[in-house]
Amino acid sequence: MAKLEFTVPDTLNGARLDKAVVALAPGASRARVKKAIEGGDVRVNGRTLAKGGVVATGDIIAIDEAAVKSGDSPCLPEPEAPLVVRHASAAVLVVDKPAGQPTAPLREGEMGTLANALLGHYPDLDGIGYSAREPGIVHRLDTETSGLVVAARTADAFETLREALKDEKIEKEYLLVCKSEGLPDEGTIEYPIANHPKDKRRVYPCIHPRDVIRYEPRAASTRYQVETRVGPWALVRAEAKRAIRHQLRAHFAALGHPLVGDTLYGGEEVSGLARHALHAARVAWDGEGNKELAFDVVSELPEDMAKLVR
């Protein structure tokens, strides 16, 4: 694609560079704009700006079109799709995703995801988020994980929530069911997690120091406490503020206590449970003084998991 050049108008005088580029470049992806700026691929008057730099009237912004435009096809709205909203403000939505529903589409034209329902009920989410297929969505859940997902209703709210998530300020609690025998009443799991070297469907908890050197994993910490024990199973409340991909599933499997139904990580199949026993039960943030951004939302344990520990 061609090189894009824009002259900053009076209306964007003093604006942050990333916001100015998004406003001036039609179809620009916010996530890709930030990445391009961090990589030094956006120039203002021939020079790069530090993170958080601002522009002034008359400045010339130059950037490759391919560096800022998202290649994603848009998410299609489904206004008639069911959507359980647990919290709504002018800035934030917290919705309850059922097990079996993908968070966002992976293929062009895919329907039936949480993102399709969100966009159908809240058209103003269009253009907000990491990509066109994830309107407003701040974090994902695995398809077979049920529970709470946070979405932003404005671009500013999305950036604030994204930073809060990255800085581990948003509280995220999960309920899971695993084998009870031998599991301590509480503990912290701190195995770093890497992409699996042989199976793209899984992640790899690096238990041995040699694996840390070999695979360059990401840090991951899971705190947990057993809530109740019934027969062979334990209902566990776990906290993982960042919760990288498959973190809880891989961590409990590494302990020798894979989630019930999580056959990918060695969990036992049980009658009446058609997925892994993991539920995002609570999300909370104080908003750091902004009431529109603050939330503390709880989702009850779904019936298919509850009957295991009744």
C-alpha atoms as a PDB file:
ATOM      1  CA  MET A   1       0.000   0.000   0.000  1.00  0.00           C
ATOM      2  CA  ALA A   2       0.945   3.632  -0.384  1.00  0.00           C
ATOM      3  CA  LYS A   3       2.557   6.035   2.037  1.00  0.00           C
ATOM      4  CA  LEU A   4      -0.063   8.132   3.830  1.00  0.00           C
ATOM      5  CA  GLU A   5       0.522  11.762   4.803  1.00  0.00           C
ATOM      6  CA  PHE A   6      -1.787  13.900   6.886  1.00  0.00           C
ATOM      7  CA  THR A   7      -1.666  17.486   8.089  1.00  0.00           C
ATOM      8  CA  VAL A   8      -2.907  17.859  11.658  1.00  0.00           C
ATOM      9  CA  PRO A   9      -5.995  20.153  11.742  1.00  0.00           C
ATOM     10  CA  ASP A  10      -6.891  22.601  14.512  1.00  0.00           C
ATOM     11  CA  THR A  11      -9.386  20.106  15.932  1.00  0.00           C
ATOM     12  CA  LEU A  12      -6.541  17.684  16.786  1.00  0.00           C
ATOM     13  CA  ASN A  13      -4.123  20.245  18.195  1.00  0.00           C
ATOM     14  CA  GLY A  14      -2.609  18.726  21.353  1.00  0.00           C
ATOM     15  CA  ALA A  15      -4.017  15.249  20.627  1.00  0.00           C
ATOM     16  CA  ARG A  16      -1.996  12.133  21.372  1.00  0.00           C
ATOM     17  CA  LEU A  17      -0.338  10.781  18.232  1.00  0.00           C
ATOM     18  CA  ASP A  18      -2.182   7.447  18.210  1.00  0.00           C
ATOM     19  CA  LYS A  19      -5.566   9.159  18.518  1.00  0.00           C
ATOM     20  CA  ALA A  20      -4.683  11.588  15.751  1.00  0.00           C
ATOM     21  CA  VAL A  21      -3.699   8.797  13.350  1.00  0.00           C
ATOM     22  CA  VAL A  22      -6.909   6.857  14.070  1.00  0.00           C
ATOM     23  CA  ALA A  23      -8.950  10.018  13.465  1.00  0.00           C
ATOM     24  CA  LEU A  24      -7.164  10.906  10.225  1.00  0.00           C
ATOM     25  CA  ALA A  25      -6.633   7.490   8.588  1.00  0.00           C
ATOM     26  CA  PRO A  26      -9.910   5.854   7.486  1.00  0.00           C
ATOM     27  CA  GLY A  27     -10.060   2.209   8.565  1.00  0.00           C
ATOM     28  CA  ALA A  28      -7.042   2.462  10.841  1.00  0.00           C
ATOM     29  CA  SER A  29      -6.884  -0.209  13.562  1.00  0.00           C
ATOM     30  CA  ARG A  30      -6.142   1.233  17.013  1.00  0.00           C
ATOM     31  CA  ALA A  31      -4.047  -1.768  17.962  1.00  0.00           C
ATOM     32  CA  ARG A  32      -1.985  -1.614  14.768  1.00  0.00           C
ATOM     33  CA  VAL A  33      -1.510   2.146  15.080  1.00  0.00           C
ATOM     34  CA  LYS A  34      -0.067   1.708  18.581  1.00  0.00           C
ATOM     35  CA  LYS A  35       2.215  -1.072  17.357  1.00  0.00           C
ATOM     36  CA  ALA A  36       3.401   1.036  14.421  1.00  0.00           C
ATOM     37  CA  ILE A  37       4.180   3.981  16.718  1.00  0.00           C
ATOM     38  CA  GLU A  38       6.078   1.766  19.164  1.00  0.00           C
ATOM     39  CA  GLY A  39       8.059   0.316  16.250  1.00  0.00           C
ATOM     40  CA  GLY A  40       9.072   3.754  14.987  1.00  0.00           C
ATOM     41  CA  ASP A  41       7.016   3.421  11.784  1.00  0.00           C
ATOM     42  CA  VAL A  42       5.048   6.640  12.305  1.00  0.00           C
ATOM     43  CA  ARG A  43       6.847   9.940  11.725  1.00  0.00           C
ATOM     44  CA  VAL A  44       5.835  13.464  12.617  1.00  0.00           C
ATOM     45  CA  ASN A  45       7.647  16.129  10.615  1.00  0.00           C
ATOM     46  CA  GLY A  46      10.182  13.461   9.666  1.00  0.00           C
ATOM     47  CA  ARG A  47      10.902  12.335  13.223  1.00  0.00           C
ATOM     48  CA  THR A  48       9.539   9.637  15.529  1.00  0.00           C
ATOM     49  CA  LEU A  49       7.718  10.598  18.717  1.00  0.00           C
ATOM     50  CA  ALA A  50       8.085   8.952  22.099  1.00  0.00           C
ATOM     51  CA  LYS A  51       5.155   6.959  23.477  1.00  0.00           C
ATOM     52  CA  GLY A  52       2.430   9.349  24.563  1.00  0.00           C
ATOM     53  CA  GLY A  53       3.714  12.140  22.307  1.00  0.00           C
ATOM     54  CA  VAL A  54       1.260  14.783  21.118  1.00  0.00           C
ATOM     55  CA  VAL A  55       0.818  16.587  17.816  1.00  0.00           C
ATOM     56  CA  ALA A  56       0.142  20.216  16.969  1.00  0.00           C
ATOM     57  CA  THR A  57      -1.763  22.033  14.233  1.00  0.00           C
ATOM     58  CA  GLY A  58       0.171  21.874  10.961  1.00  0.00           C
ATOM     59  CA  ASP A  59       2.321  18.850  11.869  1.00  0.00           C
ATOM     60  CA  ILE A  60       2.806  16.356   9.028  1.00  0.00           C
ATOM     61  CA  ILE A  61       2.172  12.717   9.964  1.00  0.00           C
ATOM     62  CA  ALA A  62       3.600  10.088   7.608  1.00  0.00           C
ATOM     63  CA  ILE A  63       2.931   6.342   7.774  1.00  0.00           C
ATOM     64  CA  ASP A  64       2.561   3.308   5.513  1.00  0.00           C
ATOM     65  CA  GLU A  65      -1.113   2.508   4.968  1.00  0.00           C
ATOM     66  CA  ALA A  66      -0.460  -1.227   5.478  1.00  0.00           C
ATOM     67  CA  ALA A  67       0.997  -0.562   8.928  1.00  0.00           C
ATOM     68  CA  VAL A  68      -2.210   0.884  10.352  1.00  0.00           C
ATOM     69  CA  LYS A  69      -5.106  -0.684   8.484  1.00  0.00           C
ATOM     70  CA  SER A  70      -6.581  -3.863   9.855  1.00  0.00           C
ATOM     71  CA  GLY A  71      -6.787  -6.805   7.503  1.00  0.00           C
ATOM     72  CA  ASP A  72      -9.710  -8.209   9.486  1.00  0.00           C
ATOM     73  CA  SER A  73     -13.129  -8.495   7.953  1.00  0.00           C
ATOM     74  CA  PRO A  74     -15.749  -6.848  10.178  1.00  0.00           C
ATOM     75  CA  CYS A  75     -17.851  -8.662  12.741  1.00  0.00           C
ATOM     76  CA  LEU A  76     -21.454  -9.032  11.577  1.00  0.00           C
ATOM     77  CA  PRO A  77     -24.142  -7.836  14.011  1.00  0.00           C
ATOM     78  CA  GLU A  78     -26.847 -10.219  15.282  1.00  0.00           C
ATOM     79  CA  PRO A  79     -29.545  -8.041  16.899  1.00  0.00           C
ATOM     80  CA  GLU A  80     -31.783 -11.040  17.667  1.00  0.00           C
ATOM     81  CA  ALA A  81     -29.053 -13.097  19.351  1.00  0.00           C
ATOM     82  CA  PRO A  82     -29.458 -13.593  23.128  1.00  0.00           C
ATOM     83  CA  LEU A  83     -27.136 -11.529  25.304  1.00  0.00           C
ATOM     84  CA  VAL A  84     -27.013 -11.629  29.113  1.00  0.00           C
ATOM     85  CA  VAL A  85     -25.870  -8.208  30.369  1.00  0.00           C
ATOM     86  CA  ARG A  86     -24.771  -8.166  34.014  1.00  0.00           C
ATOM     87  CA  HIS A  87     -23.588  -4.543  34.129  1.00  0.00           C
ATOM     88  CA  ALA A  88     -23.956  -1.544  31.840  1.00  0.00           C
ATOM     89  CA  SER A  89     -22.700   2.028  32.146  1.00  0.00           C
ATOM     90  CA  ALA A  90     -21.916   4.704  29.581  1.00  0.00           C
ATOM     91  CA  ALA A  91     -18.357   3.336  29.359  1.00  0.00           C
ATOM     92  CA  VAL A  92     -18.412  -0.379  30.216  1.00  0.00           C
ATOM     93  CA  LEU A  93     -20.437  -3.528  29.624  1.00  0.00           C
ATOM     94  CA  VAL A  94     -20.025  -6.807  31.506  1.00  0.00           C
ATOM     95  CA  VAL A  95     -21.778  -9.726  29.814  1.00  0.00           C
ATOM     96  CA  ASP A  96     -22.177 -13.411  30.652  1.00  0.00           C
ATOM     97  CA  LYS A  97     -20.951 -15.825  27.962  1.00  0.00           C
ATOM     98  CA  PRO A  98     -22.382 -19.358  27.937  1.00  0.00           C
ATOM     99  CA  ALA A  99     -20.127 -22.377  27.494  1.00  0.00           C
ATOM    100  CA  GLY A 100     -19.830 -23.420  23.864  1.00  0.00           C
ATOM    101  CA  GLN A 101     -20.052 -19.901  22.427  1.00  0.00           C
ATOM    102  CA  PRO A 102     -16.850 -18.467  20.887  1.00  0.00           C
ATOM    103  CA  THR A 103     -15.901 -15.012  22.133  1.00  0.00           C
ATOM    104  CA  ALA A 104     -15.265 -13.640  18.624  1.00  0.00           C
ATOM    105  CA  PRO A 105     -15.365 -14.935  15.030  1.00  0.00           C
ATOM    106  CA  LEU A 106     -12.256 -16.515  13.539  1.00  0.00           C
ATOM    107  CA  ARG A 107     -13.499 -16.654   9.945  1.00  0.00           C
ATOM    108  CA  GLU A 108     -15.093 -14.116   7.629  1.00  0.00           C
ATOM    109  CA  GLY A 109     -18.862 -14.182   7.949  1.00  0.00           C
ATOM    110  CA  GLU A 110     -18.884 -16.367  11.077  1.00  0.00           C
ATOM    111  CA  MET A 111     -21.989 -15.912  13.220  1.00  0.00           C
ATOM    112  CA  GLY A 112     -23.130 -17.051  16.649  1.00  0.00           C
ATOM    113  CA  THR A 113     -20.255 -15.593  18.661  1.00  0.00           C
ATOM    114  CA  LEU A 114     -20.457 -13.264  21.651  1.00  0.00           C
ATOM    115  CA  ALA A 115     -19.036 -10.473  19.484  1.00  0.00           C
ATOM    116  CA  ASN A 116     -21.892 -10.807  16.965  1.00  0.00           C
ATOM    117  CA  ALA A 117     -24.438 -10.498  19.779  1.00  0.00           C
ATOM    118  CA  LEU A 118     -22.636  -7.553  21.379  1.00  0.00           C
ATOM    119  CA  LEU A 119     -22.508  -5.617  18.117  1.00  0.00           C
ATOM    120  CA  GLY A 120     -26.134  -6.444  17.370  1.00  0.00           C
ATOM    121  CA  HIS A 121     -27.324  -5.053  20.704  1.00  0.00           C
ATOM    122  CA  TYR A 122     -24.756  -2.217  20.948  1.00  0.00           C
ATOM    123  CA  PRO A 123     -23.912  -0.906  17.440  1.00  0.00           C
ATOM    124  CA  ASP A 124     -21.763   1.861  18.962  1.00  0.00           C
ATOM    125  CA  LEU A 125     -19.082  -0.776  19.700  1.00  0.00           C
ATOM    126  CA  ASP A 126     -18.177  -0.851  16.001  1.00  0.00           C
ATOM    127  CA  GLY A 127     -14.595   0.363  15.480  1.00  0.00           C
ATOM    128  CA  ILE A 128     -13.606  -0.047  19.142  1.00  0.00           C
ATOM    129  CA  GLY A 129     -11.168  -2.717  20.285  1.00  0.00           C
ATOM    130  CA  TYR A 130      -8.182  -4.773  19.198  1.00  0.00           C
ATOM    131  CA  SER A 131      -9.645  -5.570  15.773  1.00  0.00           C
ATOM    132  CA  ALA A 132     -12.798  -5.317  13.679  1.00  0.00           C
ATOM    133  CA  ARG A 133     -13.795  -8.826  14.787  1.00  0.00           C
ATOM    134  CA  GLU A 134     -13.644  -7.996  18.520  1.00  0.00           C
ATOM    135  CA  PRO A 135     -15.919  -4.951  18.953  1.00  0.00           C
ATOM    136  CA  GLY A 136     -15.215  -3.455  22.374  1.00  0.00           C
ATOM    137  CA  ILE A 137     -13.965  -6.755  23.836  1.00  0.00           C
ATOM    138  CA  VAL A 138     -11.218  -6.220  26.426  1.00  0.00           C
ATOM    139  CA  HIS A 139     -10.362  -9.901  27.078  1.00  0.00           C
ATOM    140  CA  ARG A 140     -11.395 -13.307  25.738  1.00  0.00           C
ATOM    141  CA  LEU A 141     -12.608 -16.563  27.233  1.00  0.00           C
ATOM    142  CA  ASP A 142     -12.059 -20.005  25.691  1.00  0.00           C
ATOM    143  CA  THR A 143     -15.092 -21.261  23.790  1.00  0.00           C
ATOM    144  CA  GLU A 144     -15.913 -23.911  26.404  1.00  0.00           C
ATOM    145  CA  THR A 145     -15.321 -21.568  29.374  1.00  0.00           C
ATOM    146  CA  SER A 146     -18.447 -19.816  30.645  1.00  0.00           C
ATOM    147  CA  GLY A 147     -18.702 -16.529  32.484  1.00  0.00           C
ATOM    148  CA  LEU A 148     -18.006 -12.829  32.508  1.00  0.00           C
ATOM    149  CA  VAL A 149     -16.457 -10.799  29.690  1.00  0.00           C
ATOM    150  CA  VAL A 150     -15.729  -7.048  29.870  1.00  0.00           C
ATOM    151  CA  ALA A 151     -16.359  -4.784  26.864  1.00  0.00           C
ATOM    152  CA  ALA A 152     -15.686  -1.069  26.432  1.00  0.00           C
ATOM    153  CA  ARG A 153     -18.273   1.264  24.903  1.00  0.00           C
ATOM    154  CA  THR A 154     -15.896   4.072  23.918  1.00  0.00           C
ATOM    155  CA  ALA A 155     -12.386   4.204  22.495  1.00  0.00           C
ATOM    156  CA  ASP A 156     -11.086   6.028  25.567  1.00  0.00           C
ATOM    157  CA  ALA A 157     -12.669   3.450  27.887  1.00  0.00           C
ATOM    158  CA  PHE A 158     -11.094   0.637  25.863  1.00  0.00           C
ATOM    159  CA  GLU A 159      -7.597   2.116  26.154  1.00  0.00           C
ATOM    160  CA  THR A 160      -8.043   2.674  29.898  1.00  0.00           C
ATOM    161  CA  LEU A 161      -9.347  -0.836  30.500  1.00  0.00           C
ATOM    162  CA  ARG A 162      -6.663  -2.390  28.292  1.00  0.00           C
ATOM    163  CA  GLU A 163      -3.958  -0.664  30.338  1.00  0.00           C
ATOM    164  CA  ALA A 164      -5.647  -1.669  33.608  1.00  0.00           C
ATOM    165  CA  LEU A 165      -5.745  -5.291  32.438  1.00  0.00           C
ATOM    166  CA  LYS A 166      -2.093  -5.206  31.376  1.00  0.00           C
ATOM    167  CA  ASP A 167      -1.125  -3.701  34.742  1.00  0.00           C
ATOM    168  CA  GLU A 168      -3.111  -6.446  36.543  1.00  0.00           C
ATOM    169  CA  LYS A 169      -5.458  -3.965  38.197  1.00  0.00           C
ATOM    170  CA  ILE A 170      -8.654  -5.759  37.149  1.00  0.00           C
ATOM    171  CA  GLU A 171      -9.634  -8.543  39.544  1.00  0.00           C
ATOM    172  CA  LYS A 172     -10.584 -11.779  37.782  1.00  0.00           C
ATOM    173  CA  GLU A 173     -11.836 -14.789  39.736  1.00  0.00           C
ATOM    174  CA  TYR A 174     -12.766 -18.200  38.386  1.00  0.00           C
ATOM    175  CA  LEU A 175     -14.550 -21.270  39.689  1.00  0.00           C
ATOM    176  CA  LEU A 176     -13.331 -24.682  38.555  1.00  0.00           C
ATOM    177  CA  VAL A 177     -13.840 -28.319  39.423  1.00  0.00           C
ATOM    178  CA  CYS A 178     -10.975 -30.816  39.612  1.00  0.00           C
ATOM    179  CA  LYS A 179     -10.045 -33.970  41.515  1.00  0.00           C
ATOM    180  CA  SER A 180     -10.019 -33.416  45.252  1.00  0.00           C
ATOM    181  CA  GLU A 181      -7.612 -36.055  46.535  1.00  0.00           C
ATOM    182  CA  GLY A 182      -4.150 -34.643  47.181  1.00  0.00           C
ATOM    183  CA  LEU A 183      -5.034 -31.031  46.370  1.00  0.00           C
ATOM    184  CA  PRO A 184      -3.978 -28.645  49.175  1.00  0.00           C
ATOM    185  CA  ASP A 185      -6.683 -26.367  50.584  1.00  0.00           C
ATOM    186  CA  GLU A 186      -4.944 -23.333  49.094  1.00  0.00           C
ATOM    187  CA  GLY A 187      -1.833 -22.416  47.186  1.00  0.00           C
ATOM    188  CA  THR A 188      -0.153 -20.414  44.424  1.00  0.00           C
ATOM    189  CA  ILE A 189       0.940 -21.879  41.066  1.00  0.00           C
ATOM    190  CA  GLU A 190       3.704 -19.917  39.361  1.00  0.00           C
ATOM    191  CA  TYR A 191       4.861 -22.051  36.449  1.00  0.00           C
ATOM    192  CA  PRO A 192       5.629 -19.789  33.469  1.00  0.00           C
ATOM    193  CA  ILE A 193       3.761 -20.720  30.293  1.00  0.00           C
ATOM    194  CA  ALA A 194       5.053 -21.107  26.722  1.00  0.00           C
ATOM    195  CA  ASN A 195       3.521 -22.118  23.416  1.00  0.00           C
ATOM    196  CA  HIS A 196       3.522 -25.895  23.225  1.00  0.00           C
ATOM    197  CA  PRO A 197       6.470 -27.055  21.084  1.00  0.00           C
ATOM    198  CA  LYS A 198       4.461 -29.822  19.375  1.00  0.00           C
ATOM    199  CA  ASP A 199       0.734 -29.069  19.745  1.00  0.00           C
ATOM    200  CA  LYS A 200      -0.704 -25.661  18.796  1.00  0.00           C
ATOM    201  CA  ARG A 201      -3.954 -26.486  20.609  1.00  0.00           C
ATOM    202  CA  ARG A 202      -2.196 -26.454  23.983  1.00  0.00           C
ATOM    203  CA  VAL A 203       0.210 -24.350  26.017  1.00  0.00           C
ATOM    204  CA  TYR A 204       3.193 -25.691  27.912  1.00  0.00           C
ATOM    205  CA  PRO A 205       3.755 -24.976  31.636  1.00  0.00           C
ATOM    206  CA  CYS A 206       7.516 -24.810  32.177  1.00  0.00           C
ATOM    207  CA  ILE A 207       8.115 -26.746  35.376  1.00  0.00           C
ATOM    208  CA  HIS A 208      11.822 -27.434  34.923  1.00  0.00           C
ATOM    209  CA  PRO A 209      14.477 -24.660  34.674  1.00  0.00           C
ATOM    210  CA  ARG A 210      15.731 -26.117  31.397  1.00  0.00           C
ATOM    211  CA  ASP A 211      12.290 -25.543  29.865  1.00  0.00           C
ATOM    212  CA  VAL A 212      12.399 -21.871  30.885  1.00  0.00           C
ATOM    213  CA  ILE A 213      15.699 -21.478  29.043  1.00  0.00           C
ATOM    214  CA  ARG A 214      14.527 -23.451  26.018  1.00  0.00           C
ATOM    215  CA  TYR A 215      11.051 -22.006  25.426  1.00  0.00           C
ATOM    216  CA  GLU A 216      11.180 -18.409  26.771  1.00  0.00           C
ATOM    217  CA  PRO A 217       7.777 -18.616  28.518  1.00  0.00           C
ATOM    218  CA  ARG A 218       5.610 -15.807  29.889  1.00  0.00           C
ATOM    219  CA  ALA A 219       5.246 -15.358  33.640  1.00  0.00           C
ATOM    220  CA  ALA A 220       1.945 -16.653  35.012  1.00  0.00           C
ATOM    221  CA  SER A 221       0.600 -16.745  38.559  1.00  0.00           C
ATOM    222  CA  THR A 222      -2.563 -18.476  39.797  1.00  0.00           C
ATOM    223  CA  ARG A 223      -3.744 -18.260  43.420  1.00  0.00           C
ATOM    224  CA  TYR A 224      -6.406 -20.702  44.523  1.00  0.00           C
ATOM    225  CA  GLN A 225      -8.496 -21.821  47.481  1.00  0.00           C
ATOM    226  CA  VAL A 226     -10.723 -24.874  47.777  1.00  0.00           C
ATOM    227  CA  GLU A 227     -14.325 -23.803  48.418  1.00  0.00           C
ATOM    228  CA  THR A 228     -15.825 -27.244  49.018  1.00  0.00           C
ATOM    229  CA  ARG A 229     -15.129 -30.944  48.477  1.00  0.00           C
ATOM    230  CA  VAL A 230     -17.868 -33.358  47.418  1.00  0.00           C
ATOM    231  CA  GLY A 231     -17.038 -36.983  46.681  1.00  0.00           C
ATOM    232  CA  PRO A 232     -14.091 -37.142  44.267  1.00  0.00           C
ATOM    233  CA  TRP A 233     -14.304 -33.475  43.265  1.00  0.00           C
ATOM    234  CA  ALA A 234     -13.188 -30.121  44.649  1.00  0.00           C
ATOM    235  CA  LEU A 235     -14.786 -26.788  43.796  1.00  0.00           C
ATOM    236  CA  VAL A 236     -11.934 -24.293  43.632  1.00  0.00           C
ATOM    237  CA  ARG A 237     -11.897 -20.494  43.455  1.00  0.00           C
ATOM    238  CA  ALA A 238      -8.855 -19.240  41.545  1.00  0.00           C
ATOM    239  CA  GLU A 239      -7.522 -15.756  40.849  1.00  0.00           C
ATOM    240  CA  ALA A 240      -5.446 -14.923  37.786  1.00  0.00           C
ATOM    241  CA  LYS A 241      -5.408 -11.198  37.066  1.00  0.00           C
ATOM    242  CA  ARG A 242      -3.862 -11.430  33.616  1.00  0.00           C
ATOM    243  CA  ALA A 243      -4.935 -15.006  32.786  1.00  0.00           C
ATOM    244  CA  ILE A 244      -2.951 -15.697  29.631  1.00  0.00           C
ATOM    245  CA  ARG A 245      -4.184 -18.357  27.221  1.00  0.00           C
ATOM    246  CA  HIS A 246      -5.221 -21.627  28.962  1.00  0.00           C
ATOM    247  CA  GLN A 247      -3.431 -20.517  32.148  1.00  0.00           C
ATOM    248  CA  LEU A 248      -5.727 -22.138  34.712  1.00  0.00           C
ATOM    249  CA  ARG A 249      -6.218 -25.262  32.632  1.00  0.00           C
ATOM    250  CA  ALA A 250      -2.471 -25.771  32.179  1.00  0.00           C
ATOM    251  CA  HIS A 251      -1.578 -24.837  35.767  1.00  0.00           C
ATOM    252  CA  PHE A 252      -3.964 -27.300  37.374  1.00  0.00           C
ATOM    253  CA  ALA A 253      -2.935 -30.010  34.910  1.00  0.00           C
ATOM    254  CA  ALA A 254       0.696 -29.363  35.909  1.00  0.00           C
ATOM    255  CA  LEU A 255      -0.312 -29.958  39.547  1.00  0.00           C
ATOM    256  CA  GLY A 256      -1.772 -33.318  38.567  1.00  0.00           C
ATOM    257  CA  HIS A 257      -5.332 -31.984  38.981  1.00  0.00           C
ATOM    258  CA  PRO A 258      -6.624 -31.212  35.472  1.00  0.00           C
ATOM    259  CA  LEU A 259     -10.095 -29.694  35.229  1.00  0.00           C
ATOM    260  CA  VAL A 260     -12.980 -32.129  35.000  1.00  0.00           C
ATOM    261  CA  GLY A 261     -13.921 -32.563  31.341  1.00  0.00           C
ATOM    262  CA  ASP A 262     -10.705 -30.952  30.058  1.00  0.00           C
ATOM    263  CA  THR A 263      -9.561 -33.870  27.916  1.00  0.00           C
ATOM    264  CA  LEU A 264      -7.001 -31.689  26.113  1.00  0.00           C
ATOM    265  CA  TYR A 265      -5.025 -31.468  29.372  1.00  0.00           C
ATOM    266  CA  GLY A 266      -5.806 -34.945  30.720  1.00  0.00           C
ATOM    267  CA  GLY A 267      -9.057 -34.205  32.525  1.00  0.00           C
ATOM    268  CA  GLU A 268     -11.650 -36.911  33.119  1.00  0.00           C
ATOM    269  CA  GLU A 269     -14.851 -37.019  31.091  1.00  0.00           C
ATOM    270  CA  VAL A 270     -18.017 -37.214  33.195  1.00  0.00           C
ATOM    271  CA  SER A 271     -21.640 -37.737  32.254  1.00  0.00           C
ATOM    272  CA  GLY A 272     -23.655 -34.533  31.950  1.00  0.00           C
ATOM    273  CA  LEU A 273     -20.680 -32.237  31.412  1.00  0.00           C
ATOM    274  CA  ALA A 274     -19.982 -31.447  27.768  1.00  0.00           C
ATOM    275  CA  ARG A 275     -17.054 -29.077  28.352  1.00  0.00           C
ATOM    276  CA  HIS A 276     -14.226 -28.325  30.774  1.00  0.00           C
ATOM    277  CA  ALA A 277     -15.357 -27.230  34.235  1.00  0.00           C
ATOM    278  CA  LEU A 278     -14.216 -23.593  34.260  1.00  0.00           C
ATOM    279  CA  HIS A 279     -16.346 -20.498  34.895  1.00  0.00           C
ATOM    280  CA  ALA A 280     -15.301 -16.821  35.005  1.00  0.00           C
ATOM    281  CA  ALA A 281     -17.202 -15.963  38.176  1.00  0.00           C
ATOM    282  CA  ARG A 282     -16.187 -12.383  39.052  1.00  0.00           C
ATOM    283  CA  VAL A 283     -14.606  -9.313  37.475  1.00  0.00           C
ATOM    284  CA  ALA A 284     -14.017  -6.073  39.365  1.00  0.00           C
ATOM    285  CA  TRP A 285     -12.183  -2.759  39.067  1.00  0.00           C
ATOM    286  CA  ASP A 286     -12.545   0.422  41.094  1.00  0.00           C
ATOM    287  CA  GLY A 287     -12.139   2.636  38.007  1.00  0.00           C
ATOM    288  CA  GLU A 288      -9.549   4.706  39.875  1.00  0.00           C
ATOM    289  CA  GLY A 289     -12.110   7.354  40.738  1.00  0.00           C
ATOM    290  CA  ASN A 290     -14.173   7.179  37.535  1.00  0.00           C
ATOM    291  CA  LYS A 291     -17.609   5.781  38.436  1.00  0.00           C
ATOM    292  CA  GLU A 292     -18.478   5.066  34.791  1.00  0.00           C
ATOM    293  CA  LEU A 293     -15.474   2.743  34.542  1.00  0.00           C
ATOM    294  CA  ALA A 294     -15.961   1.003  37.903  1.00  0.00           C
ATOM    295  CA  PHE A 295     -17.637  -2.413  38.173  1.00  0.00           C
ATOM    296  CA  ASP A 296     -17.862  -5.418  40.487  1.00  0.00           C
ATOM    297  CA  VAL A 297     -19.872  -8.199  38.894  1.00  0.00           C
ATOM    298  CA  VAL A 298     -20.552 -11.788  39.956  1.00  0.00           C
ATOM    299  CA  SER A 299     -21.873 -14.699  37.886  1.00  0.00           C
ATOM    300  CA  GLU A 300     -23.367 -17.763  39.586  1.00  0.00           C
ATOM    301  CA  LEU A 301     -21.940 -21.222  38.973  1.00  0.00           C
ATOM    302  CA  PRO A 302     -23.704 -22.819  35.957  1.00  0.00           C
ATOM    303  CA  GLU A 303     -25.881 -25.852  36.565  1.00  0.00           C
ATOM    304  CA  ASP A 304     -23.652 -28.317  34.699  1.00  0.00           C
ATOM    305  CA  MET A 305     -20.775 -27.519  37.074  1.00  0.00           C
ATOM    306  CA  ALA A 306     -22.902 -27.031  40.190  1.00  0.00           C
ATOM    307  CA  LYS A 307     -24.329 -30.546  40.051  1.00  0.00           C
ATOM    308  CA  LEU A 308     -20.798 -32.007  40.290  1.00  0.00           C
ATOM    309  CA  VAL A 309     -20.244 -30.503  43.743  1.00  0.00           C
ATOM    310  CA  ARG A 310     -23.777 -30.453  45.159  1.00  0.00           C
END
